[in-house]
Amino acid sequence: MQERKFPRSRAFLGAKILFNDGHSSYDCIIKELSEGGAQIKVENALAVPQQFNLLFSDGRNFDCEVRWRRINAIGVEFQKG
């Protein structure tokens, strides 16, 4: 069993992955969310850069770093500061 720093909750939130100084983006869906990160469903996980800004549909945004990738999903850690 994998131990986590923060408990995860299921979610279904629309968001955008922003990169290239905000000039490029991908639509995505937040599937699981915790205080420290998220699991994100995307069309092509390999096209997502290692670091990006995640903008939630409710206006929240987080600097993120990819921790794992699958074909159509990524796990990210929210970066502090």
PDB file of N, CA and C in Angstrom:
ATOM      1  N   MET A   1       0.846  -1.189   0.000  1.00  0.00           N
ATOM      2  CA  MET A   1       0.000   0.000   0.000  1.00  0.00           C
ATOM      3  C   MET A   1       0.884   1.242   0.000  1.00  0.00           C
ATOM      4  N   GLN A   2       0.517   2.190  -0.823  1.00  0.00           N
ATOM      5  CA  GLN A   2       1.309   3.397  -0.981  1.00  0.00           C
ATOM      6  C   GLN A   2       0.880   4.441   0.052  1.00  0.00           C
ATOM      7  N   GLU A   3       1.849   5.007   0.779  1.00  0.00           N
ATOM      8  CA  GLU A   3       1.536   6.061   1.733  1.00  0.00           C
ATOM      9  C   GLU A   3       1.643   7.413   1.045  1.00  0.00           C
ATOM     10  N   ARG A   4       0.745   8.310   1.392  1.00  0.00           N
ATOM     11  CA  ARG A   4       0.708   9.633   0.784  1.00  0.00           C
ATOM     12  C   ARG A   4       0.888  10.694   1.866  1.00  0.00           C
ATOM     13  N   LYS A   5       1.448  11.832   1.459  1.00  0.00           N
ATOM     14  CA  LYS A   5       1.609  12.949   2.391  1.00  0.00           C
ATOM     15  C   LYS A   5       0.263  13.548   2.771  1.00  0.00           C
ATOM     16  N   PHE A   6      -0.673  13.590   1.799  1.00  0.00           N
ATOM     17  CA  PHE A   6      -1.973  14.211   2.000  1.00  0.00           C
ATOM     18  C   PHE A   6      -3.063  13.263   1.507  1.00  0.00           C
ATOM     19  N   PRO A   7      -4.189  13.191   2.212  1.00  0.00           N
ATOM     20  CA  PRO A   7      -5.294  12.356   1.726  1.00  0.00           C
ATOM     21  C   PRO A   7      -5.874  12.920   0.431  1.00  0.00           C
ATOM     22  N   ARG A   8      -6.285  12.030  -0.484  1.00  0.00           N
ATOM     23  CA  ARG A   8      -6.865  12.455  -1.759  1.00  0.00           C
ATOM     24  C   ARG A   8      -8.372  12.331  -1.726  1.00  0.00           C
ATOM     25  N   SER A   9      -9.025  13.216  -2.453  1.00  0.00           N
ATOM     26  CA  SER A   9     -10.475  13.178  -2.609  1.00  0.00           C
ATOM     27  C   SER A   9     -10.792  13.079  -4.093  1.00  0.00           C
ATOM     28  N   ARG A  10     -11.850  12.348  -4.409  1.00  0.00           N
ATOM     29  CA  ARG A  10     -12.297  12.301  -5.801  1.00  0.00           C
ATOM     30  C   ARG A  10     -12.827  13.666  -6.199  1.00  0.00           C
ATOM     31  N   ALA A  11     -12.624  13.997  -7.460  1.00  0.00           N
ATOM     32  CA  ALA A  11     -13.062  15.294  -7.963  1.00  0.00           C
ATOM     33  C   ALA A  11     -13.469  15.141  -9.423  1.00  0.00           C
ATOM     34  N   PHE A  12     -14.147  16.101  -9.932  1.00  0.00           N
ATOM     35  CA  PHE A  12     -14.464  16.170 -11.357  1.00  0.00           C
ATOM     36  C   PHE A  12     -14.552  17.652 -11.698  1.00  0.00           C
ATOM     37  N   LEU A  13     -13.380  18.262 -11.865  1.00  0.00           N
ATOM     38  CA  LEU A  13     -13.289  19.697 -12.077  1.00  0.00           C
ATOM     39  C   LEU A  13     -12.607  19.998 -13.402  1.00  0.00           C
ATOM     40  N   GLY A  14     -13.147  20.919 -14.142  1.00  0.00           N
ATOM     41  CA  GLY A  14     -12.501  21.372 -15.367  1.00  0.00           C
ATOM     42  C   GLY A  14     -11.313  22.258 -15.045  1.00  0.00           C
ATOM     43  N   ALA A  15     -10.274  22.182 -15.866  1.00  0.00           N
ATOM     44  CA  ALA A  15      -9.077  22.993 -15.654  1.00  0.00           C
ATOM     45  C   ALA A  15      -8.327  23.144 -16.973  1.00  0.00           C
ATOM     46  N   LYS A  16      -7.304  24.004 -16.941  1.00  0.00           N
ATOM     47  CA  LYS A  16      -6.415  24.183 -18.089  1.00  0.00           C
ATOM     48  C   LYS A  16      -4.982  24.052 -17.621  1.00  0.00           C
ATOM     49  N   ILE A  17      -4.183  23.360 -18.410  1.00  0.00           N
ATOM     50  CA  ILE A  17      -2.743  23.291 -18.217  1.00  0.00           C
ATOM     51  C   ILE A  17      -2.148  24.412 -19.057  1.00  0.00           C
ATOM     52  N   LEU A  18      -1.490  25.360 -18.396  1.00  0.00           N
ATOM     53  CA  LEU A  18      -0.915  26.517 -19.088  1.00  0.00           C
ATOM     54  C   LEU A  18       0.600  26.419 -19.070  1.00  0.00           C
ATOM     55  N   PHE A  19       1.228  26.679 -20.211  1.00  0.00           N
ATOM     56  CA  PHE A  19       2.689  26.660 -20.304  1.00  0.00           C
ATOM     57  C   PHE A  19       3.116  27.600 -21.419  1.00  0.00           C
ATOM     58  N   ASN A  20       4.430  27.690 -21.638  1.00  0.00           N
ATOM     59  CA  ASN A  20       4.954  28.604 -22.658  1.00  0.00           C
ATOM     60  C   ASN A  20       4.534  30.041 -22.340  1.00  0.00           C
ATOM     61  N   ASP A  21       4.741  30.422 -21.063  1.00  0.00           N
ATOM     62  CA  ASP A  21       4.363  31.757 -20.567  1.00  0.00           C
ATOM     63  C   ASP A  21       2.888  32.074 -20.811  1.00  0.00           C
ATOM     64  N   GLY A  22       2.032  31.071 -20.709  1.00  0.00           N
ATOM     65  CA  GLY A  22       0.595  31.261 -20.871  1.00  0.00           C
ATOM     66  C   GLY A  22       0.118  31.305 -22.302  1.00  0.00           C
ATOM     67  N   HIS A  23       1.019  31.123 -23.272  1.00  0.00           N
ATOM     68  CA  HIS A  23       0.641  31.170 -24.682  1.00  0.00           C
ATOM     69  C   HIS A  23       0.107  29.833 -25.200  1.00  0.00           C
ATOM     70  N   SER A  24       0.338  28.761 -24.439  1.00  0.00           N
ATOM     71  CA  SER A  24      -0.124  27.428 -24.855  1.00  0.00           C
ATOM     72  C   SER A  24      -0.918  26.805 -23.722  1.00  0.00           C
ATOM     73  N   SER A  25      -1.918  25.999 -24.080  1.00  0.00           N
ATOM     74  CA  SER A  25      -2.739  25.362 -23.036  1.00  0.00           C
ATOM     75  C   SER A  25      -3.364  24.062 -23.542  1.00  0.00           C
ATOM     76  N   TYR A  26      -3.709  23.218 -22.585  1.00  0.00           N
ATOM     77  CA  TYR A  26      -4.475  21.997 -22.828  1.00  0.00           C
ATOM     78  C   TYR A  26      -5.634  21.981 -21.844  1.00  0.00           C
ATOM     79  N   ASP A  27      -6.807  21.584 -22.313  1.00  0.00           N
ATOM     80  CA  ASP A  27      -7.929  21.357 -21.413  1.00  0.00           C
ATOM     81  C   ASP A  27      -7.707  20.035 -20.689  1.00  0.00           C
ATOM     82  N   CYS A  28      -8.170  19.973 -19.443  1.00  0.00           N
ATOM     83  CA  CYS A  28      -8.017  18.740 -18.677  1.00  0.00           C
ATOM     84  C   CYS A  28      -9.125  18.648 -17.631  1.00  0.00           C
ATOM     85  N   ILE A  29      -9.175  17.506 -16.967  1.00  0.00           N
ATOM     86  CA  ILE A  29     -10.140  17.270 -15.890  1.00  0.00           C
ATOM     87  C   ILE A  29      -9.375  16.777 -14.666  1.00  0.00           C
ATOM     88  N   ILE A  30      -9.633  17.408 -13.530  1.00  0.00           N
ATOM     89  CA  ILE A  30      -9.046  16.977 -12.265  1.00  0.00           C
ATOM     90  C   ILE A  30      -9.877  15.808 -11.762  1.00  0.00           C
ATOM     91  N   LYS A  31      -9.246  14.631 -11.629  1.00  0.00           N
ATOM     92  CA  LYS A  31      -9.953  13.420 -11.191  1.00  0.00           C
ATOM     93  C   LYS A  31      -9.823  13.174  -9.690  1.00  0.00           C
ATOM     94  N   GLU A  32      -8.659  13.502  -9.120  1.00  0.00           N
ATOM     95  CA  GLU A  32      -8.427  13.386  -7.680  1.00  0.00           C
ATOM     96  C   GLU A  32      -7.644  14.607  -7.248  1.00  0.00           C
ATOM     97  N   LEU A  33      -7.901  15.048  -6.017  1.00  0.00           N
ATOM     98  CA  LEU A  33      -7.296  16.278  -5.538  1.00  0.00           C
ATOM     99  C   LEU A  33      -6.904  16.122  -4.079  1.00  0.00           C
ATOM    100  N   SER A  34      -5.726  16.648  -3.727  1.00  0.00           N
ATOM    101  CA  SER A  34      -5.293  16.692  -2.333  1.00  0.00           C
ATOM    102  C   SER A  34      -4.667  18.056  -2.090  1.00  0.00           C
ATOM    103  N   GLU A  35      -4.282  18.298  -0.874  1.00  0.00           N
ATOM    104  CA  GLU A  35      -3.626  19.552  -0.527  1.00  0.00           C
ATOM    105  C   GLU A  35      -2.300  19.712  -1.267  1.00  0.00           C
ATOM    106  N   GLY A  36      -1.646  18.585  -1.572  1.00  0.00           N
ATOM    107  CA  GLY A  36      -0.324  18.640  -2.171  1.00  0.00           C
ATOM    108  C   GLY A  36      -0.237  18.344  -3.653  1.00  0.00           C
ATOM    109  N   GLY A  37      -1.356  17.922  -4.285  1.00  0.00           N
ATOM    110  CA  GLY A  37      -1.275  17.588  -5.696  1.00  0.00           C
ATOM    111  C   GLY A  37      -2.596  17.114  -6.266  1.00  0.00           C
ATOM    112  N   ALA A  38      -2.519  16.551  -7.482  1.00  0.00           N
ATOM    113  CA  ALA A  38      -3.738  16.136  -8.182  1.00  0.00           C
ATOM    114  C   ALA A  38      -3.432  15.051  -9.194  1.00  0.00           C
ATOM    115  N   GLN A  39      -4.478  14.293  -9.526  1.00  0.00           N
ATOM    116  CA  GLN A  39      -4.440  13.390 -10.668  1.00  0.00           C
ATOM    117  C   GLN A  39      -5.280  14.050 -11.753  1.00  0.00           C
ATOM    118  N   ILE A  40      -4.690  14.180 -12.933  1.00  0.00           N
ATOM    119  CA  ILE A  40      -5.307  14.940 -14.008  1.00  0.00           C
ATOM    120  C   ILE A  40      -5.490  14.057 -15.234  1.00  0.00           C
ATOM    121  N   LYS A  41      -6.682  14.086 -15.801  1.00  0.00           N
ATOM    122  CA  LYS A  41      -6.949  13.368 -17.051  1.00  0.00           C
ATOM    123  C   LYS A  41      -6.709  14.328 -18.211  1.00  0.00           C
ATOM    124  N   VAL A  42      -5.868  13.909 -19.154  1.00  0.00           N
ATOM    125  CA  VAL A  42      -5.542  14.710 -20.340  1.00  0.00           C
ATOM    126  C   VAL A  42      -5.604  13.817 -21.566  1.00  0.00           C
ATOM    127  N   GLU A  43      -5.742  14.431 -22.729  1.00  0.00           N
ATOM    128  CA  GLU A  43      -5.814  13.651 -23.968  1.00  0.00           C
ATOM    129  C   GLU A  43      -4.491  12.971 -24.292  1.00  0.00           C
ATOM    130  N   ASN A  44      -3.373  13.689 -24.084  1.00  0.00           N
ATOM    131  CA  ASN A  44      -2.056  13.136 -24.400  1.00  0.00           C
ATOM    132  C   ASN A  44      -1.059  13.555 -23.317  1.00  0.00           C
ATOM    133  N   ALA A  45      -0.830  12.688 -22.360  1.00  0.00           N
ATOM    134  CA  ALA A  45       0.042  13.015 -21.224  1.00  0.00           C
ATOM    135  C   ALA A  45       1.476  13.282 -21.657  1.00  0.00           C
ATOM    136  N   LEU A  46       1.924  12.671 -22.729  1.00  0.00           N
ATOM    137  CA  LEU A  46       3.299  12.869 -23.169  1.00  0.00           C
ATOM    138  C   LEU A  46       3.548  14.276 -23.706  1.00  0.00           C
ATOM    139  N   ALA A  47       2.499  14.968 -24.126  1.00  0.00           N
ATOM    140  CA  ALA A  47       2.641  16.323 -24.664  1.00  0.00           C
ATOM    141  C   ALA A  47       2.715  17.390 -23.563  1.00  0.00           C
ATOM    142  N   VAL A  48       2.392  17.017 -22.330  1.00  0.00           N
ATOM    143  CA  VAL A  48       2.382  17.975 -21.226  1.00  0.00           C
ATOM    144  C   VAL A  48       3.810  18.187 -20.729  1.00  0.00           C
ATOM    145  N   PRO A  49       4.253  19.452 -20.589  1.00  0.00           N
ATOM    146  CA  PRO A  49       5.610  19.703 -20.096  1.00  0.00           C
ATOM    147  C   PRO A  49       5.783  19.264 -18.644  1.00  0.00           C
ATOM    148  N   GLN A  50       7.022  19.111 -18.210  1.00  0.00           N
ATOM    149  CA  GLN A  50       7.328  18.650 -16.857  1.00  0.00           C
ATOM    150  C   GLN A  50       6.832  19.635 -15.792  1.00  0.00           C
ATOM    151  N   GLN A  51       6.871  20.929 -16.082  1.00  0.00           N
ATOM    152  CA  GLN A  51       6.382  21.953 -15.162  1.00  0.00           C
ATOM    153  C   GLN A  51       5.410  22.861 -15.896  1.00  0.00           C
ATOM    154  N   PHE A  52       4.336  23.243 -15.212  1.00  0.00           N
ATOM    155  CA  PHE A  52       3.309  24.085 -15.824  1.00  0.00           C
ATOM    156  C   PHE A  52       2.451  24.718 -14.740  1.00  0.00           C
ATOM    157  N   ASN A  53       1.549  25.598 -15.165  1.00  0.00           N
ATOM    158  CA  ASN A  53       0.577  26.204 -14.267  1.00  0.00           C
ATOM    159  C   ASN A  53      -0.771  25.539 -14.524  1.00  0.00           C
ATOM    160  N   LEU A  54      -1.463  25.167 -13.458  1.00  0.00           N
ATOM    161  CA  LEU A  54      -2.766  24.528 -13.560  1.00  0.00           C
ATOM    162  C   LEU A  54      -3.826  25.528 -13.117  1.00  0.00           C
ATOM    163  N   LEU A  55      -4.713  25.911 -14.032  1.00  0.00           N
ATOM    164  CA  LEU A  55      -5.763  26.884 -13.754  1.00  0.00           C
ATOM    165  C   LEU A  55      -7.103  26.162 -13.658  1.00  0.00           C
ATOM    166  N   PHE A  56      -7.677  26.175 -12.460  1.00  0.00           N
ATOM    167  CA  PHE A  56      -8.976  25.542 -12.231  1.00  0.00           C
ATOM    168  C   PHE A  56     -10.087  26.429 -12.792  1.00  0.00           C
ATOM    169  N   SER A  57     -11.228  25.826 -13.122  1.00  0.00           N
ATOM    170  CA  SER A  57     -12.360  26.575 -13.662  1.00  0.00           C
ATOM    171  C   SER A  57     -12.916  27.576 -12.649  1.00  0.00           C
ATOM    172  N   ASP A  58     -12.638  27.380 -11.350  1.00  0.00           N
ATOM    173  CA  ASP A  58     -13.118  28.316 -10.326  1.00  0.00           C
ATOM    174  C   ASP A  58     -12.120  29.444 -10.047  1.00  0.00           C
ATOM    175  N   GLY A  59     -11.018  29.508 -10.820  1.00  0.00           N
ATOM    176  CA  GLY A  59     -10.065  30.593 -10.686  1.00  0.00           C
ATOM    177  C   GLY A  59      -8.803  30.276  -9.894  1.00  0.00           C
ATOM    178  N   ARG A  60      -8.817  29.199  -9.115  1.00  0.00           N
ATOM    179  CA  ARG A  60      -7.598  28.816  -8.395  1.00  0.00           C
ATOM    180  C   ARG A  60      -6.523  28.414  -9.393  1.00  0.00           C
ATOM    181  N   ASN A  61      -5.254  28.653  -9.037  1.00  0.00           N
ATOM    182  CA  ASN A  61      -4.192  28.150  -9.905  1.00  0.00           C
ATOM    183  C   ASN A  61      -2.988  27.735  -9.075  1.00  0.00           C
ATOM    184  N   PHE A  62      -2.250  26.773  -9.608  1.00  0.00           N
ATOM    185  CA  PHE A  62      -1.125  26.170  -8.921  1.00  0.00           C
ATOM    186  C   PHE A  62       0.017  25.945  -9.899  1.00  0.00           C
ATOM    187  N   ASP A  63       1.231  26.200  -9.440  1.00  0.00           N
ATOM    188  CA  ASP A  63       2.414  25.771 -10.182  1.00  0.00           C
ATOM    189  C   ASP A  63       2.579  24.287  -9.904  1.00  0.00           C
ATOM    190  N   CYS A  64       2.795  23.489 -10.942  1.00  0.00           N
ATOM    191  CA  CYS A  64       2.832  22.035 -10.801  1.00  0.00           C
ATOM    192  C   CYS A  64       4.088  21.434 -11.406  1.00  0.00           C
ATOM    193  N   GLU A  65       4.464  20.279 -10.867  1.00  0.00           N
ATOM    194  CA  GLU A  65       5.520  19.462 -11.453  1.00  0.00           C
ATOM    195  C   GLU A  65       4.982  18.047 -11.603  1.00  0.00           C
ATOM    196  N   VAL A  66       5.185  17.460 -12.779  1.00  0.00           N
ATOM    197  CA  VAL A  66       4.700  16.108 -13.050  1.00  0.00           C
ATOM    198  C   VAL A  66       5.513  15.108 -12.233  1.00  0.00           C
ATOM    199  N   ARG A  67       4.820  14.200 -11.543  1.00  0.00           N
ATOM    200  CA  ARG A  67       5.458  13.135 -10.765  1.00  0.00           C
ATOM    201  C   ARG A  67       5.338  11.774 -11.442  1.00  0.00           C
ATOM    202  N   TRP A  68       4.271  11.559 -12.229  1.00  0.00           N
ATOM    203  CA  TRP A  68       4.128  10.324 -13.005  1.00  0.00           C
ATOM    204  C   TRP A  68       3.237  10.599 -14.211  1.00  0.00           C
ATOM    205  N   ARG A  69       3.352   9.725 -15.212  1.00  0.00           N
ATOM    206  CA  ARG A  69       2.561   9.834 -16.453  1.00  0.00           C
ATOM    207  C   ARG A  69       2.004   8.470 -16.836  1.00  0.00           C
ATOM    208  N   ARG A  70       0.796   8.476 -17.370  1.00  0.00           N
ATOM    209  CA  ARG A  70       0.188   7.328 -18.034  1.00  0.00           C
ATOM    210  C   ARG A  70      -0.211   7.821 -19.428  1.00  0.00           C
ATOM    211  N   ILE A  71      -0.868   7.004 -20.202  1.00  0.00           N
ATOM    212  CA  ILE A  71      -1.238   7.405 -21.566  1.00  0.00           C
ATOM    213  C   ILE A  71      -2.101   8.663 -21.567  1.00  0.00           C
ATOM    214  N   ASN A  72      -3.127   8.690 -20.718  1.00  0.00           N
ATOM    215  CA  ASN A  72      -4.020   9.846 -20.720  1.00  0.00           C
ATOM    216  C   ASN A  72      -4.233  10.434 -19.326  1.00  0.00           C
ATOM    217  N   ALA A  73      -3.234  10.299 -18.466  1.00  0.00           N
ATOM    218  CA  ALA A  73      -3.336  10.879 -17.116  1.00  0.00           C
ATOM    219  C   ALA A  73      -1.940  11.215 -16.602  1.00  0.00           C
ATOM    220  N   ILE A  74      -1.905  12.208 -15.727  1.00  0.00           N
ATOM    221  CA  ILE A  74      -0.669  12.559 -15.040  1.00  0.00           C
ATOM    222  C   ILE A  74      -0.952  12.802 -13.566  1.00  0.00           C
ATOM    223  N   GLY A  75       0.054  12.586 -12.761  1.00  0.00           N
ATOM    224  CA  GLY A  75      -0.003  12.937 -11.352  1.00  0.00           C
ATOM    225  C   GLY A  75       0.934  14.101 -11.134  1.00  0.00           C
ATOM    226  N   VAL A  76       0.458  15.142 -10.462  1.00  0.00           N
ATOM    227  CA  VAL A  76       1.282  16.320 -10.250  1.00  0.00           C
ATOM    228  C   VAL A  76       1.389  16.660  -8.770  1.00  0.00           C
ATOM    229  N   GLU A  77       2.500  17.307  -8.449  1.00  0.00           N
ATOM    230  CA  GLU A  77       2.712  17.849  -7.120  1.00  0.00           C
ATOM    231  C   GLU A  77       2.629  19.370  -7.237  1.00  0.00           C
ATOM    232  N   PHE A  78       1.864  20.004  -6.324  1.00  0.00           N
ATOM    233  CA  PHE A  78       1.795  21.448  -6.297  1.00  0.00           C
ATOM    234  C   PHE A  78       3.097  21.981  -5.707  1.00  0.00           C
ATOM    235  N   GLN A  79       3.682  22.977  -6.354  1.00  0.00           N
ATOM    236  CA  GLN A  79       4.950  23.555  -5.912  1.00  0.00           C
ATOM    237  C   GLN A  79       4.679  24.736  -4.983  1.00  0.00           C
ATOM    238  N   LYS A  80       5.463  24.816  -3.938  1.00  0.00           N
ATOM    239  CA  LYS A  80       5.318  25.912  -2.963  1.00  0.00           C
ATOM    240  C   LYS A  80       6.076  27.135  -3.463  1.00  0.00           C
ATOM    241  N   GLY A  81       5.512  28.303  -3.152  1.00  0.00           N
ATOM    242  CA  GLY A  81       6.205  29.557  -3.348  1.00  0.00           C
ATOM    243  C   GLY A  81       6.337  30.014  -4.722  1.00  0.00           C
TER     244      GLY A  81
END
